[in-house]
N, C-alpha and C. Protein backbone atom coordinates (compact mmCIF):
# COMPACT_ATOMS: atom_id res chain seq x y z
N MET A 1 150.99 145.45 91.79
CA MET A 1 150.61 144.18 91.19
C MET A 1 151.16 143.06 92.07
N PRO A 2 150.32 142.09 92.44
CA PRO A 2 150.78 141.01 93.32
C PRO A 2 151.71 140.05 92.58
N ASP A 3 152.61 139.43 93.33
CA ASP A 3 153.56 138.48 92.77
C ASP A 3 152.85 137.14 92.53
N SER A 4 152.76 136.69 91.29
CA SER A 4 152.05 135.45 90.98
C SER A 4 152.99 134.27 90.77
N SER A 5 154.27 134.47 90.98
CA SER A 5 155.21 133.36 90.81
C SER A 5 155.11 132.41 92.00
N PRO A 6 155.28 131.10 91.77
CA PRO A 6 155.16 130.14 92.88
C PRO A 6 156.33 130.27 93.85
N ASN A 7 156.08 129.92 95.08
CA ASN A 7 157.14 129.90 96.08
C ASN A 7 157.13 128.54 96.77
N ASP A 8 157.92 128.37 97.81
CA ASP A 8 158.05 127.07 98.47
C ASP A 8 156.76 126.59 99.13
N SER A 9 155.88 127.47 99.49
CA SER A 9 154.66 127.08 100.16
C SER A 9 153.50 126.86 99.19
N THR A 10 153.69 127.11 97.91
CA THR A 10 152.64 126.94 96.92
C THR A 10 152.56 125.47 96.48
N SER A 11 151.40 124.90 96.56
CA SER A 11 151.21 123.52 96.10
C SER A 11 151.06 123.51 94.58
N PRO A 12 151.58 122.48 93.92
CA PRO A 12 151.39 122.40 92.48
C PRO A 12 149.93 122.13 92.15
N PRO A 13 149.48 122.55 90.99
CA PRO A 13 148.08 122.32 90.64
C PRO A 13 147.80 120.82 90.46
N PHE A 14 146.59 120.40 90.78
CA PHE A 14 146.17 119.01 90.60
C PHE A 14 145.26 118.94 89.38
N TYR A 15 145.61 118.10 88.44
CA TYR A 15 144.82 117.94 87.23
C TYR A 15 144.21 116.54 87.22
N ALA A 16 142.98 116.43 86.80
CA ALA A 16 142.31 115.13 86.72
C ALA A 16 143.01 114.26 85.68
N ARG A 17 143.10 112.97 85.95
CA ARG A 17 143.78 112.04 85.05
C ARG A 17 142.84 111.44 84.01
N GLY A 18 141.55 111.62 84.17
CA GLY A 18 140.59 111.16 83.18
C GLY A 18 140.17 109.72 83.32
N ALA A 19 140.53 109.03 84.39
CA ALA A 19 140.16 107.64 84.56
C ALA A 19 138.95 107.53 85.47
N ASP A 20 138.00 106.68 85.07
CA ASP A 20 136.83 106.41 85.89
C ASP A 20 136.98 104.99 86.43
N LEU A 21 137.49 104.86 87.64
CA LEU A 21 137.77 103.55 88.21
C LEU A 21 136.52 102.81 88.67
N SER A 22 135.37 103.46 88.64
CA SER A 22 134.15 102.78 89.08
C SER A 22 133.74 101.67 88.12
N ARG A 23 134.21 101.69 86.89
CA ARG A 23 133.83 100.66 85.91
C ARG A 23 134.87 99.55 85.78
N ILE A 24 135.98 99.65 86.51
CA ILE A 24 137.02 98.63 86.46
C ILE A 24 136.72 97.60 87.55
N PRO A 25 136.67 96.31 87.19
CA PRO A 25 136.33 95.31 88.20
C PRO A 25 137.46 95.14 89.23
N LYS A 26 137.08 94.78 90.42
CA LYS A 26 138.05 94.53 91.49
C LYS A 26 138.76 93.21 91.21
N ALA A 27 140.01 93.10 91.62
CA ALA A 27 140.79 91.89 91.40
C ALA A 27 140.14 90.68 92.05
N ALA A 28 139.51 90.87 93.19
CA ALA A 28 138.86 89.76 93.90
C ALA A 28 137.65 89.23 93.14
N ASP A 29 137.07 90.05 92.25
CA ASP A 29 135.87 89.63 91.51
C ASP A 29 136.20 88.92 90.20
N ILE A 30 137.45 88.90 89.81
CA ILE A 30 137.86 88.29 88.53
C ILE A 30 138.36 86.87 88.81
N PRO A 31 137.92 85.89 88.01
CA PRO A 31 138.42 84.53 88.24
C PRO A 31 139.92 84.45 87.96
N SER A 32 140.61 83.60 88.70
CA SER A 32 142.06 83.48 88.53
C SER A 32 142.38 82.82 87.19
N THR A 33 143.55 83.14 86.67
CA THR A 33 144.01 82.61 85.40
C THR A 33 145.07 81.54 85.66
N ASP A 34 144.94 80.41 84.99
CA ASP A 34 145.93 79.35 85.12
C ASP A 34 147.11 79.71 84.22
N LEU A 35 148.19 80.19 84.84
CA LEU A 35 149.35 80.61 84.06
C LEU A 35 150.04 79.45 83.37
N ARG A 36 149.84 78.23 83.83
CA ARG A 36 150.44 77.07 83.16
C ARG A 36 149.87 76.94 81.75
N GLN A 37 148.60 77.28 81.57
CA GLN A 37 148.02 77.24 80.22
C GLN A 37 148.59 78.34 79.34
N VAL A 38 148.77 79.51 79.91
CA VAL A 38 149.27 80.65 79.14
C VAL A 38 150.74 80.46 78.79
N LEU A 39 151.55 80.07 79.78
CA LEU A 39 152.99 79.93 79.56
C LEU A 39 153.38 78.57 79.00
N GLY A 40 152.43 77.65 78.92
CA GLY A 40 152.72 76.33 78.37
C GLY A 40 152.68 76.28 76.86
N VAL A 41 152.47 77.41 76.23
CA VAL A 41 152.44 77.51 74.77
C VAL A 41 153.81 78.01 74.31
N ASP A 42 154.34 77.40 73.25
CA ASP A 42 155.66 77.79 72.76
C ASP A 42 155.67 79.23 72.28
N SER A 43 156.82 79.86 72.41
CA SER A 43 157.01 81.24 71.98
C SER A 43 158.01 81.26 70.83
N ALA A 44 157.86 82.22 69.93
CA ALA A 44 158.83 82.38 68.85
C ALA A 44 160.13 82.99 69.37
N ASN A 45 160.08 83.56 70.55
CA ASN A 45 161.26 84.17 71.15
C ASN A 45 162.09 83.07 71.82
N PRO A 46 163.31 82.82 71.35
CA PRO A 46 164.12 81.73 71.93
C PRO A 46 164.47 81.96 73.39
N PHE A 47 164.61 83.21 73.82
CA PHE A 47 164.89 83.49 75.22
C PHE A 47 163.71 83.08 76.09
N LEU A 48 162.49 83.46 75.68
CA LEU A 48 161.30 83.08 76.44
C LEU A 48 161.11 81.57 76.41
N ARG A 49 161.41 80.93 75.27
CA ARG A 49 161.30 79.48 75.17
C ARG A 49 162.22 78.81 76.19
N ALA A 50 163.46 79.29 76.26
CA ALA A 50 164.42 78.71 77.21
C ALA A 50 163.96 78.91 78.65
N LEU A 51 163.43 80.09 78.97
CA LEU A 51 162.93 80.33 80.33
C LEU A 51 161.76 79.42 80.66
N ARG A 52 160.86 79.22 79.70
CA ARG A 52 159.69 78.37 79.95
C ARG A 52 160.10 76.92 80.13
N ILE A 53 161.11 76.47 79.40
CA ILE A 53 161.61 75.10 79.57
C ILE A 53 162.29 74.99 80.93
N GLU A 54 163.11 75.97 81.26
CA GLU A 54 163.86 75.97 82.52
C GLU A 54 162.93 75.95 83.73
N ARG A 55 161.81 76.65 83.64
CA ARG A 55 160.89 76.75 84.77
C ARG A 55 159.79 75.69 84.75
N GLY A 56 159.84 74.80 83.77
CA GLY A 56 158.91 73.68 83.75
C GLY A 56 157.57 73.93 83.09
N PHE A 57 157.40 75.06 82.41
CA PHE A 57 156.15 75.32 81.72
C PHE A 57 156.08 74.59 80.38
N LEU A 58 157.23 74.37 79.75
CA LEU A 58 157.33 73.65 78.49
C LEU A 58 158.22 72.44 78.69
N ASN A 59 157.92 71.39 77.96
CA ASN A 59 158.77 70.21 77.95
C ASN A 59 159.57 70.23 76.66
N ALA A 60 160.89 70.26 76.76
CA ALA A 60 161.74 70.35 75.58
C ALA A 60 161.54 69.15 74.66
N ALA A 61 161.18 68.00 75.22
CA ALA A 61 160.97 66.80 74.40
C ALA A 61 159.76 66.95 73.48
N ASP A 62 158.82 67.82 73.83
CA ASP A 62 157.62 68.02 73.01
C ASP A 62 157.85 68.99 71.85
N LEU A 63 158.95 69.72 71.87
CA LEU A 63 159.22 70.70 70.82
C LEU A 63 159.89 70.03 69.62
N PRO A 64 159.72 70.60 68.43
CA PRO A 64 160.44 70.08 67.27
C PRO A 64 161.95 70.15 67.49
N ARG A 65 162.66 69.22 66.92
CA ARG A 65 164.11 69.09 67.15
C ARG A 65 164.87 70.37 66.78
N GLU A 66 164.48 71.01 65.71
CA GLU A 66 165.22 72.20 65.26
C GLU A 66 165.08 73.38 66.24
N LEU A 67 164.08 73.34 67.12
CA LEU A 67 163.92 74.42 68.10
C LEU A 67 164.73 74.19 69.36
N THR A 68 165.24 73.02 69.55
CA THR A 68 165.98 72.72 70.78
C THR A 68 167.47 72.59 70.55
N GLU A 69 167.92 72.71 69.31
CA GLU A 69 169.34 72.60 69.00
C GLU A 69 169.87 73.93 68.51
N ALA A 70 171.13 74.17 68.78
CA ALA A 70 171.78 75.37 68.27
C ALA A 70 172.03 75.21 66.77
N ALA A 71 172.04 76.30 66.07
CA ALA A 71 172.31 76.26 64.63
C ALA A 71 173.75 75.81 64.40
N PRO A 72 173.95 74.87 63.49
CA PRO A 72 175.31 74.35 63.25
C PRO A 72 176.13 75.31 62.37
N PHE A 73 176.89 76.19 62.98
CA PHE A 73 177.74 77.11 62.24
C PHE A 73 179.16 76.56 62.23
N ASP A 74 179.64 76.24 61.07
CA ASP A 74 181.05 75.88 60.97
C ASP A 74 181.83 77.12 60.53
N GLY A 75 183.11 77.02 60.42
CA GLY A 75 183.93 78.17 60.07
C GLY A 75 183.56 78.79 58.73
N ALA A 76 183.24 77.95 57.73
CA ALA A 76 182.91 78.47 56.39
C ALA A 76 181.60 79.24 56.42
N ALA A 77 180.61 78.71 57.14
CA ALA A 77 179.31 79.39 57.21
C ALA A 77 179.45 80.72 57.93
N LEU A 78 180.23 80.75 58.98
CA LEU A 78 180.45 81.99 59.72
C LEU A 78 181.17 83.02 58.88
N ALA A 79 182.17 82.58 58.11
CA ALA A 79 182.90 83.49 57.21
C ALA A 79 181.97 84.06 56.15
N LYS A 80 181.06 83.23 55.64
CA LYS A 80 180.12 83.69 54.62
C LYS A 80 179.15 84.72 55.21
N LEU A 81 178.70 84.50 56.45
CA LEU A 81 177.83 85.46 57.11
C LEU A 81 178.54 86.80 57.29
N ARG A 82 179.78 86.75 57.70
CA ARG A 82 180.55 87.99 57.89
C ARG A 82 180.77 88.69 56.57
N GLU A 83 181.00 87.92 55.52
CA GLU A 83 181.21 88.51 54.19
C GLU A 83 179.94 89.19 53.70
N ASN A 84 178.79 88.57 53.92
CA ASN A 84 177.52 89.14 53.47
C ASN A 84 177.13 90.36 54.30
N ALA A 85 177.63 90.45 55.51
CA ALA A 85 177.29 91.58 56.39
C ALA A 85 178.02 92.85 55.96
N LYS A 86 179.08 92.73 55.18
CA LYS A 86 179.86 93.92 54.77
C LYS A 86 179.16 94.71 53.71
């Protein structure tokens, strides 16, 4: 009976990935997207909001005041948060 186990000279099998790239348009055929329009919209994510302001996509003066200020936590509010977390 011949040895059917793979060795160093055996290539691994190639399996089709199932993608038909003939129907996907080429990048050169697609009109460019103005990222200033996409990134110029406010995000609910405060990290993304800060990055967009920092990079000039958003103007902080145009945002509502509560979105540009840190939450005012005093010692009592922080203690209450810690107490509720237990």
